[in-house]
Amino acid sequence: MKKVNINRYKESFKWQFGAYPFFTSVFTKSADIKAQKKYYTCYDEYISNFEGGLVTAFIPWEVWETPGRKIIKNLLAGDKRYYQEIKNTHNAVKKAINVCLSARSKNDNELGKWWKLTQNSLSDVSRVLYSFDFTFDLFLNELKVKDPNLFTTLVESIKTKEKSFLEEASASLLKLKSKNSNFKKVYLDFVREFGWFQNSYKGVFKFDEIWLGQYLKNIPRIEKKSKKSKIGLVPPKYKLLVELAKETVVFRDNKKKLLLIAVELMDNWLRNICKKQGWSFEIMRWLTVDEILGVIENGNKNNLKLAEKYYKAKRRIGAMISTGYEEVGQKDWDKIYALYFSVKSNLVKGLAASSGIYKGIVRVVLNPVKDNKKFHQGDVLVASMTRPEYISLMSRAGAFVTDEGGISCHAAIVAREMGKPCIISTRNATKILKDGDFVEVNANLGIVKIIKK
């Protein structure tokens, strides 16, 4: 049982999304202290609670902020070493994507070469990228107060013309539909190429023709509606920082693409292993890949008992350490959770990521696939944080409000592209706001006001 320093979580970052331990095990090498480099984040504190198909995780701000501040300071001084580290890791991710796509096309049910490459490259992403992401958001928030004009210049200059994998998928679907009136064939051809594009840390999402037809109807609403703005010249001191930020926008998208393709391969592998061993897929997904390999290759039967334990409890609380996950006590988790939400308030206040004022009905969405049916055109999307699988809902939403995130997070970027009001980093929106609340989202001031409960 890992001892937890509760005080370190007084200021922490929280996120919540659908997940099972098996599919997050692509990151279990993140805490390998033997692999630490100058710019790597040390995951000596990272607590996650998998419960009922959702994971809630906390990491102390200092874990990311301390190395992140040094990175930004060096970049502003013209030091390119971190930029090169990012490019090297990004290239490894792109290589892993090609290897995984090749395995997918061959219906490869073995871990083969793709697993270690995928696990190592994604673990490197978490070690080298997230500290910059988090601290860059803090840097921009501070700059917004000190120099609003420079802030606007930097934010507008970060935009990239490269298509995201979701945009590529949408373009492919539209092209297939324009060439063939037989939607059955359109569906099969699309699944062959992009059948992975709605997967998540929870596993494979197998969509049918009806779902894809509905998605097709929403594609025109996903098109960018960027607001016109005058972009000033980026001062020389900030050019390297802007170039890196543009690189990381594409980097994050490729990271997600690799993960979603890998999820399909992992799912196929686990189902195949479970069939051979007579195991239950629903039980074994509570273990990591390495823990399952420990049973197969080393005969570690204790892991099977742990899988049964987690499955029956529908919960697994753990900390990421150099050897994988180590259990954390329920009492420690409850203390961390209570500490995070210790500030009680009926006011939802955060950072204005995209300006505007909007009134609408709240829909709290933690699982975009499960909650899709309850979401209506013009609703206010409230989430812990958004990811690519939220795009369909975001296209229908009137405004976005999130617990976490910064100026360069997914919700902020999409909101600015779509021209919709967005408030981020509220910390408690998903706790205070409830489904059906009628609210005013004032993204000029960063405040959400409940008009009627």
Protein backbone atom coordinates (compact mmCIF):
# COMPACT_ATOMS: atom_id res chain seq x y z
CA MET A 1 0.00 0.00 0.00
CA LYS A 2 1.51 3.33 -1.05
CA LYS A 3 1.85 6.11 1.52
CA VAL A 4 0.39 9.35 0.18
CA ASN A 5 1.45 12.88 1.10
CA ILE A 6 -2.02 14.41 1.31
CA ASN A 7 -0.70 17.97 1.71
CA ARG A 8 0.79 17.90 -1.78
CA TYR A 9 -2.75 17.78 -3.17
CA LYS A 10 -3.88 21.12 -1.73
CA GLU A 11 -3.25 22.54 -5.19
CA SER A 12 -3.78 19.87 -7.81
CA PHE A 13 -5.00 19.17 -11.30
CA LYS A 14 -8.07 16.97 -11.69
CA TRP A 15 -9.55 15.24 -14.69
CA GLN A 16 -12.33 12.72 -15.19
CA PHE A 17 -13.32 10.57 -18.16
CA GLY A 18 -14.51 7.11 -19.13
CA ALA A 19 -11.73 4.56 -18.63
CA TYR A 20 -10.59 1.14 -17.45
CA PRO A 21 -7.05 0.40 -16.18
CA PHE A 22 -6.27 -1.89 -19.12
CA PHE A 23 -6.57 0.86 -21.72
CA THR A 24 -4.64 3.43 -19.68
CA SER A 25 -1.73 1.02 -19.28
CA VAL A 26 -0.11 2.60 -22.34
CA PHE A 27 1.15 5.19 -19.82
CA THR A 28 2.46 2.90 -17.08
CA LYS A 29 6.10 3.52 -18.03
CA SER A 30 5.64 7.22 -17.25
CA ALA A 31 6.96 6.80 -13.71
CA ASP A 32 10.03 4.76 -14.70
CA ILE A 33 12.77 6.73 -12.92
CA LYS A 34 15.48 5.01 -14.99
CA ALA A 35 14.19 6.77 -18.10
CA GLN A 36 14.14 10.30 -16.65
CA LYS A 37 15.77 13.01 -18.74
CA LYS A 38 16.32 16.71 -18.18
CA TYR A 39 12.89 17.81 -19.33
CA TYR A 40 10.91 14.83 -18.06
CA THR A 41 8.17 15.12 -15.48
CA CYS A 42 8.67 12.82 -12.49
CA TYR A 43 5.36 11.11 -11.67
CA ASP A 44 6.16 10.48 -8.03
CA GLU A 45 2.61 11.53 -7.14
CA TYR A 46 -0.31 10.62 -9.38
CA ILE A 47 -3.48 9.17 -7.88
CA SER A 48 -6.30 7.66 -9.92
CA ASN A 49 -9.61 6.08 -8.98
CA PHE A 50 -11.25 3.82 -11.55
CA GLU A 51 -14.88 3.41 -10.60
CA GLY A 52 -17.88 2.26 -12.62
CA GLY A 53 -16.24 2.86 -15.98
CA LEU A 54 -14.93 6.33 -15.06
CA VAL A 55 -11.52 7.42 -13.82
CA THR A 56 -10.94 10.45 -11.63
CA ALA A 57 -7.30 11.43 -11.26
CA PHE A 58 -5.31 14.02 -9.34
CA ILE A 59 -1.75 15.23 -9.72
CA PRO A 60 -0.19 18.04 -7.64
CA TRP A 61 0.35 21.24 -9.61
CA GLU A 62 4.01 21.33 -8.62
CA VAL A 63 4.72 18.05 -10.44
CA TRP A 64 4.06 19.81 -13.75
CA GLU A 65 4.67 23.43 -12.83
CA THR A 66 8.23 23.11 -11.48
CA PRO A 67 9.78 21.65 -14.68
CA GLY A 68 7.33 23.62 -16.84
CA ARG A 69 8.48 27.00 -15.55
CA LYS A 70 12.09 26.08 -16.33
CA ILE A 71 11.12 24.97 -19.83
CA ILE A 72 9.37 28.25 -20.65
CA LYS A 73 12.23 30.29 -19.18
CA ASN A 74 14.72 28.44 -21.37
CA LEU A 75 12.54 28.81 -24.47
CA LEU A 76 12.26 32.57 -23.97
CA ALA A 77 16.05 32.63 -23.71
CA GLY A 78 16.31 30.89 -27.10
CA ASP A 79 17.26 27.44 -25.79
CA LYS A 80 16.05 24.91 -28.41
CA ARG A 81 16.88 21.69 -26.55
CA TYR A 82 13.36 21.13 -25.23
CA TYR A 83 11.89 21.90 -28.67
CA GLN A 84 14.13 19.17 -30.12
CA GLU A 85 13.06 16.75 -27.37
CA ILE A 86 9.42 17.40 -28.30
CA LYS A 87 10.11 16.84 -31.99
CA ASN A 88 11.95 13.58 -31.27
CA THR A 89 9.07 12.28 -29.15
CA HIS A 90 6.53 13.43 -31.75
CA ASN A 91 8.44 11.53 -34.45
CA ALA A 92 8.34 8.41 -32.28
CA VAL A 93 4.56 8.81 -31.94
CA LYS A 94 4.16 9.16 -35.72
CA LYS A 95 6.27 6.04 -36.23
CA ALA A 96 4.11 4.15 -33.73
CA ILE A 97 0.96 5.28 -35.58
CA ASN A 98 2.24 3.75 -38.81
CA VAL A 99 3.22 0.51 -37.05
CA CYS A 100 -0.20 0.25 -35.37
CA LEU A 101 -2.06 1.00 -38.61
CA SER A 102 -0.05 -1.77 -40.28
CA ALA A 103 -0.94 -4.22 -37.49
CA ARG A 104 -4.59 -3.17 -37.76
CA SER A 105 -4.68 -3.77 -41.51
CA LYS A 106 -3.28 -7.28 -40.95
CA ASN A 107 -5.78 -8.05 -38.14
CA ASP A 108 -2.79 -8.76 -35.89
CA ASN A 109 -4.04 -10.18 -32.56
CA GLU A 110 -0.56 -10.35 -31.02
CA LEU A 111 1.25 -7.59 -29.15
CA GLY A 112 4.23 -8.03 -31.44
CA LYS A 113 6.31 -4.96 -32.19
CA TRP A 114 3.53 -2.42 -31.84
CA TRP A 115 2.91 -2.71 -28.08
CA LYS A 116 6.31 -1.76 -26.64
CA LEU A 117 6.74 0.99 -29.21
CA THR A 118 3.29 2.37 -28.39
CA GLN A 119 3.71 2.07 -24.62
CA ASN A 120 7.15 3.69 -24.64
CA SER A 121 6.22 6.55 -26.96
CA LEU A 122 2.96 7.42 -25.13
CA SER A 123 4.70 7.21 -21.76
CA ASP A 124 7.33 9.59 -23.13
CA VAL A 125 4.54 11.94 -24.23
CA SER A 126 3.22 12.16 -20.68
CA ARG A 127 6.73 12.72 -19.32
CA VAL A 128 7.83 15.38 -21.78
CA LEU A 129 4.67 17.21 -22.95
CA TYR A 130 2.19 17.70 -20.12
CA SER A 131 4.45 19.85 -17.92
CA PHE A 132 4.76 22.33 -20.79
CA ASP A 133 1.04 22.16 -21.61
CA PHE A 134 -0.02 22.92 -18.07
CA THR A 135 2.53 25.65 -17.40
CA PHE A 136 2.06 27.30 -20.78
CA ASP A 137 -1.60 27.75 -19.88
CA LEU A 138 -0.56 29.42 -16.62
CA PHE A 139 1.90 31.59 -18.52
CA LEU A 140 -0.79 32.72 -20.98
CA ASN A 141 -3.27 33.43 -18.18
CA GLU A 142 -0.69 35.63 -16.46
CA LEU A 143 0.17 37.34 -19.74
CA LYS A 144 -3.52 38.06 -20.39
CA VAL A 145 -3.50 40.30 -17.30
CA LYS A 146 -0.08 41.90 -17.85
CA ASP A 147 -0.23 42.48 -21.62
CA PRO A 148 -3.63 41.71 -23.26
CA ASN A 149 -2.42 42.69 -26.74
CA LEU A 150 0.59 40.38 -26.62
CA PHE A 151 -1.64 37.64 -25.20
CA THR A 152 -4.01 37.95 -28.18
CA THR A 153 -1.12 37.95 -30.63
CA LEU A 154 0.38 34.77 -29.20
CA VAL A 155 -2.94 32.90 -28.94
CA GLU A 156 -3.95 33.79 -32.52
CA SER A 157 -0.47 32.87 -33.82
CA ILE A 158 -0.62 29.37 -32.34
CA LYS A 159 -3.30 28.17 -34.77
CA THR A 160 -2.20 25.46 -37.18
CA LYS A 161 -3.50 24.66 -40.67
CA GLU A 162 -2.95 20.91 -40.30
CA LYS A 163 -6.11 18.84 -40.16
CA SER A 164 -6.90 16.89 -37.01
CA PHE A 165 -7.67 13.18 -37.34
CA LEU A 166 -11.35 13.98 -36.73
CA GLU A 167 -11.32 16.46 -39.60
CA GLU A 168 -9.63 13.85 -41.77
CA ALA A 169 -12.27 11.29 -40.78
CA SER A 170 -15.10 13.71 -41.53
CA ALA A 171 -13.61 14.65 -44.89
CA SER A 172 -13.24 10.96 -45.76
CA LEU A 173 -16.85 10.24 -44.80
CA LEU A 174 -18.17 13.13 -46.91
CA LYS A 175 -16.07 11.98 -49.86
CA LEU A 176 -17.29 8.38 -49.57
CA LYS A 177 -20.91 9.56 -49.36
CA SER A 178 -20.54 11.75 -52.45
CA LYS A 179 -19.22 8.82 -54.49
CA ASN A 180 -21.68 6.14 -53.39
CA SER A 181 -25.44 6.21 -52.78
CA ASN A 182 -25.29 2.83 -51.02
CA PHE A 183 -24.74 3.87 -47.39
CA LYS A 184 -24.01 0.27 -46.38
CA LYS A 185 -20.89 0.38 -48.56
CA VAL A 186 -20.03 3.87 -47.30
CA TYR A 187 -20.26 2.55 -43.75
CA LEU A 188 -18.07 -0.51 -44.43
CA ASP A 189 -15.42 1.52 -46.29
CA PHE A 190 -15.33 4.13 -43.54
CA VAL A 191 -15.03 1.53 -40.76
CA ARG A 192 -12.19 -0.12 -42.68
CA GLU A 193 -10.22 3.14 -42.55
CA PHE A 194 -11.51 5.00 -39.49
CA GLY A 195 -13.30 2.39 -37.39
CA TRP A 196 -11.13 3.43 -34.43
CA PHE A 197 -11.94 7.17 -34.42
CA GLN A 198 -14.49 7.11 -31.55
CA ASN A 199 -12.60 4.74 -29.26
CA SER A 200 -11.64 5.90 -25.77
CA TYR A 201 -9.82 4.85 -22.62
CA LYS A 202 -12.95 2.86 -21.87
CA GLY A 203 -12.40 0.64 -24.90
CA VAL A 204 -13.65 0.15 -28.44
CA PHE A 205 -16.77 2.01 -29.57
CA LYS A 206 -18.40 0.01 -32.35
CA PHE A 207 -20.76 2.37 -34.13
CA ASP A 208 -23.47 1.15 -36.52
CA GLU A 209 -24.91 2.65 -39.72
CA ILE A 210 -27.55 4.62 -37.82
CA TRP A 211 -24.97 6.25 -35.56
CA LEU A 212 -22.70 7.08 -38.50
CA GLY A 213 -25.64 8.53 -40.42
CA GLN A 214 -26.38 10.85 -37.50
CA TYR A 215 -22.72 11.81 -37.25
CA LEU A 216 -22.77 12.61 -40.97
CA LYS A 217 -25.62 15.07 -40.41
CA ASN A 218 -23.57 16.90 -37.79
CA ILE A 219 -20.43 17.27 -39.90
CA PRO A 220 -21.37 20.69 -41.42
CA ARG A 221 -21.72 22.04 -37.86
CA ILE A 222 -18.21 20.87 -37.03
CA GLU A 223 -16.65 23.11 -39.67
CA LYS A 224 -14.56 25.90 -38.22
CA LYS A 225 -16.12 29.33 -37.72
CA SER A 226 -13.07 31.28 -36.66
CA LYS A 227 -13.55 34.84 -35.57
CA LYS A 228 -11.64 37.36 -37.64
CA SER A 229 -8.98 39.16 -35.67
CA LYS A 230 -5.94 41.27 -36.38
CA ILE A 231 -2.80 39.35 -35.50
CA GLY A 232 0.16 41.46 -34.48
CA LEU A 233 3.76 40.52 -35.15
CA VAL A 234 5.18 38.03 -32.66
CA PRO A 235 8.15 39.65 -30.84
CA PRO A 236 11.45 37.77 -31.50
CA LYS A 237 11.65 36.71 -27.84
CA TYR A 238 8.41 34.70 -28.18
CA LYS A 239 8.87 33.14 -31.64
CA LEU A 240 10.42 29.88 -30.41
CA LEU A 241 7.67 29.56 -27.80
CA VAL A 242 4.96 30.06 -30.45
CA GLU A 243 6.58 27.56 -32.84
CA LEU A 244 6.72 24.98 -30.06
CA ALA A 245 3.09 25.64 -29.11
CA LYS A 246 2.04 25.09 -32.75
CA GLU A 247 4.01 21.84 -32.81
CA THR A 248 2.31 20.63 -29.63
CA VAL A 249 -1.18 21.27 -31.06
CA VAL A 250 -0.45 18.71 -33.80
CA PHE A 251 1.50 16.54 -31.35
CA ARG A 252 -1.48 16.21 -28.98
CA ASP A 253 -3.74 15.22 -31.86
CA ASN A 254 -1.32 12.53 -33.06
CA LYS A 255 -0.97 11.29 -29.48
CA LYS A 256 -4.73 10.83 -29.32
CA LYS A 257 -4.78 9.19 -32.76
CA LEU A 258 -2.15 6.66 -31.69
CA LEU A 259 -4.05 5.89 -28.51
CA LEU A 260 -7.38 5.27 -30.26
CA ILE A 261 -5.82 2.96 -32.84
CA ALA A 262 -3.93 1.14 -30.09
CA VAL A 263 -7.16 0.71 -28.09
CA GLU A 264 -8.59 -1.38 -30.92
CA LEU A 265 -5.45 -3.53 -31.09
CA MET A 266 -5.38 -3.90 -27.30
CA ASP A 267 -9.06 -4.81 -27.21
CA ASN A 268 -8.57 -7.50 -29.86
CA TRP A 269 -5.53 -8.87 -28.04
CA LEU A 270 -7.27 -9.07 -24.67
CA ARG A 271 -10.39 -10.72 -26.08
CA ASN A 272 -8.22 -13.27 -27.87
CA ILE A 273 -6.22 -14.00 -24.67
CA CYS A 274 -9.40 -14.27 -22.60
CA LYS A 275 -10.85 -16.76 -25.08
CA LYS A 276 -7.70 -18.91 -24.93
CA GLN A 277 -7.37 -18.76 -21.13
CA GLY A 278 -11.07 -18.99 -20.30
CA TRP A 279 -11.01 -15.57 -18.63
CA SER A 280 -13.68 -12.89 -18.51
CA PHE A 281 -12.90 -9.77 -20.56
CA GLU A 282 -14.96 -7.63 -18.16
CA ILE A 283 -12.82 -8.84 -15.24
CA MET A 284 -9.40 -8.69 -16.91
CA ARG A 285 -9.79 -5.11 -18.14
CA TRP A 286 -9.27 -4.08 -14.50
CA LEU A 287 -5.59 -5.05 -14.90
CA THR A 288 -2.86 -3.44 -16.99
CA VAL A 289 -1.27 -5.14 -19.98
CA ASP A 290 1.92 -5.73 -18.00
CA GLU A 291 -0.03 -7.30 -15.12
CA ILE A 292 -1.76 -9.67 -17.55
CA LEU A 293 1.58 -10.54 -19.12
CA GLY A 294 2.78 -11.27 -15.58
CA VAL A 295 0.14 -13.99 -15.34
CA ILE A 296 0.82 -15.44 -18.79
CA GLU A 297 4.62 -15.26 -18.79
CA ASN A 298 5.50 -15.49 -15.09
CA GLY A 299 2.54 -17.39 -13.66
CA ASN A 300 1.62 -14.60 -11.25
CA LYS A 301 -1.78 -15.91 -10.14
CA ASN A 302 -2.12 -13.16 -7.55
CA ASN A 303 -2.94 -10.72 -10.36
CA LEU A 304 -5.98 -12.84 -11.21
CA LYS A 305 -7.18 -12.50 -7.62
CA LEU A 306 -6.66 -8.73 -7.81
CA ALA A 307 -8.66 -8.55 -11.04
CA GLU A 308 -11.56 -10.35 -9.32
CA LYS A 309 -11.27 -7.99 -6.35
CA TYR A 310 -11.37 -4.83 -8.50
CA TYR A 311 -14.19 -6.20 -10.65
CA LYS A 312 -16.40 -7.06 -7.69
CA ALA A 313 -15.77 -3.67 -6.05
CA LYS A 314 -16.13 -1.93 -9.45
CA ARG A 315 -13.24 0.20 -8.20
CA ARG A 316 -9.47 0.39 -8.30
CA ILE A 317 -7.55 3.17 -6.53
CA GLY A 318 -3.88 3.41 -7.30
CA ALA A 319 -0.75 5.51 -7.70
CA MET A 320 1.56 5.37 -10.68
CA ILE A 321 5.05 4.27 -9.63
CA SER A 322 8.11 2.93 -11.48
CA THR A 323 6.77 -0.64 -11.52
CA GLY A 324 3.20 0.20 -12.55
CA TYR A 325 0.23 0.84 -10.26
CA GLU A 326 0.39 0.50 -6.49
CA GLU A 327 -2.76 0.42 -4.38
CA VAL A 328 -3.81 3.49 -2.42
CA GLY A 329 -6.12 3.31 0.60
CA GLN A 330 -9.73 4.44 0.46
CA LYS A 331 -9.20 6.87 3.35
CA ASP A 332 -6.32 8.62 1.57
CA TRP A 333 -8.40 8.93 -1.59
CA ASP A 334 -11.36 10.39 0.31
CA LYS A 335 -9.08 12.97 1.95
CA ILE A 336 -7.61 14.06 -1.39
CA TYR A 337 -11.04 14.27 -2.99
CA ALA A 338 -12.46 16.31 -0.10
CA LEU A 339 -9.41 18.58 -0.10
CA TYR A 340 -9.87 19.39 -3.78
CA PHE A 341 -13.52 20.36 -3.30
CA SER A 342 -13.01 22.02 0.08
CA VAL A 343 -13.83 25.46 -1.33
CA LYS A 344 -17.64 25.56 -1.28
CA SER A 345 -19.42 28.04 -3.52
CA ASN A 346 -22.61 28.48 -5.49
CA LEU A 347 -20.75 30.65 -7.97
CA VAL A 348 -19.13 29.08 -11.00
CA LYS A 349 -16.17 31.20 -12.02
CA GLY A 350 -13.27 30.43 -14.32
CA LEU A 351 -11.13 31.67 -17.17
CA ALA A 352 -12.68 33.16 -20.30
CA ALA A 353 -11.26 31.11 -23.17
CA SER A 354 -13.62 32.39 -25.89
CA SER A 355 -15.74 35.50 -25.35
CA GLY A 356 -19.50 35.89 -25.60
CA ILE A 357 -22.68 35.61 -23.54
CA TYR A 358 -25.11 32.72 -23.88
CA LYS A 359 -28.20 31.47 -22.04
CA GLY A 360 -29.20 27.84 -22.14
CA ILE A 361 -29.93 24.58 -20.35
CA VAL A 362 -27.08 22.72 -18.67
CA ARG A 363 -26.09 19.18 -19.62
CA VAL A 364 -23.28 17.70 -17.54
CA VAL A 365 -21.40 15.23 -19.75
CA LEU A 366 -18.74 12.90 -18.36
CA ASN A 367 -19.22 10.22 -21.00
CA PRO A 368 -19.90 11.74 -24.47
CA VAL A 369 -21.06 8.43 -25.96
CA LYS A 370 -23.41 7.49 -23.13
CA ASP A 371 -24.73 11.04 -22.65
CA ASN A 372 -25.23 11.77 -26.35
CA LYS A 373 -28.98 11.11 -26.29
CA LYS A 374 -29.69 13.57 -23.48
CA PHE A 375 -27.87 16.41 -25.25
CA HIS A 376 -29.97 18.76 -27.40
CA GLN A 377 -29.21 21.51 -29.87
CA GLY A 378 -28.24 24.70 -28.01
CA ASP A 379 -27.56 23.07 -24.62
CA VAL A 380 -24.67 24.30 -22.46
CA LEU A 381 -21.98 21.61 -22.39
CA VAL A 382 -20.51 21.18 -18.91
CA ALA A 383 -17.63 18.71 -18.58
CA SER A 384 -14.56 17.95 -16.53
CA MET A 385 -12.57 18.63 -19.70
CA THR A 386 -13.23 17.97 -23.38
CA ARG A 387 -11.44 15.67 -25.80
CA PRO A 388 -11.87 14.87 -29.52
CA GLU A 389 -14.77 12.49 -28.83
CA TYR A 390 -16.76 15.49 -27.55
CA ILE A 391 -16.73 17.23 -30.95
CA SER A 392 -20.19 16.03 -32.02
CA LEU A 393 -21.70 17.46 -28.81
CA MET A 394 -19.65 20.66 -29.07
CA SER A 395 -21.01 21.26 -32.56
CA ARG A 396 -24.55 21.27 -31.08
CA ALA A 397 -23.73 23.17 -27.88
CA GLY A 398 -24.34 26.86 -27.39
CA ALA A 399 -21.45 27.28 -24.95
CA PHE A 400 -18.84 25.19 -23.10
CA VAL A 401 -17.93 25.17 -19.41
CA THR A 402 -15.19 22.91 -17.99
CA ASP A 403 -13.65 22.14 -14.60
CA GLU A 404 -10.12 22.07 -15.92
CA GLY A 405 -8.00 23.27 -18.82
CA GLY A 406 -6.13 26.35 -19.94
CA ILE A 407 -5.99 28.78 -22.84
CA SER A 408 -4.46 26.16 -25.15
CA CYS A 409 -6.62 23.21 -24.04
CA HIS A 410 -8.98 21.32 -26.36
CA ALA A 411 -12.15 23.14 -25.23
CA ALA A 412 -10.52 26.57 -25.62
CA ILE A 413 -9.18 25.88 -29.10
CA VAL A 414 -12.45 24.38 -30.40
CA ALA A 415 -14.50 27.20 -28.84
CA ARG A 416 -12.42 29.84 -30.62
CA GLU A 417 -12.64 27.90 -33.90
CA MET A 418 -16.42 27.56 -33.62
CA GLY A 419 -16.92 31.07 -32.27
CA LYS A 420 -18.73 29.88 -29.13
CA PRO A 421 -18.52 31.22 -25.55
CA CYS A 422 -16.29 29.08 -23.35
CA ILE A 423 -15.25 29.21 -19.70
CA ILE A 424 -12.53 26.85 -18.51
CA SER A 425 -10.73 25.99 -15.26
CA THR A 426 -13.82 26.53 -13.06
CA ARG A 427 -12.70 23.67 -10.79
CA ASN A 428 -16.27 22.89 -9.65
CA ALA A 429 -18.69 23.35 -12.58
CA THR A 430 -19.57 19.64 -12.78
CA LYS A 431 -20.34 19.66 -9.05
CA ILE A 432 -22.40 22.87 -8.79
CA LEU A 433 -24.27 22.82 -12.11
CA LYS A 434 -26.93 20.15 -12.65
CA ASP A 435 -28.76 18.81 -15.70
CA GLY A 436 -31.71 21.07 -16.46
CA ASP A 437 -30.35 24.23 -14.79
CA PHE A 438 -31.03 27.33 -16.91
CA VAL A 439 -27.87 29.45 -16.86
CA GLU A 440 -26.19 32.47 -18.32
CA VAL A 441 -22.64 31.83 -19.48
CA ASN A 442 -20.82 35.15 -19.45
CA ALA A 443 -17.52 34.29 -21.10
CA ASN A 444 -16.53 37.95 -21.13
CA LEU A 445 -16.26 37.90 -17.34
CA GLY A 446 -15.67 34.14 -16.86
CA ILE A 447 -18.84 33.65 -14.77
CA VAL A 448 -21.74 31.21 -15.00
CA LYS A 449 -24.92 32.44 -13.32
CA ILE A 450 -27.74 30.06 -12.46
CA ILE A 451 -31.00 31.76 -13.53
CA LYS A 452 -33.32 28.91 -12.69
CA LYS A 453 -32.63 25.50 -11.13
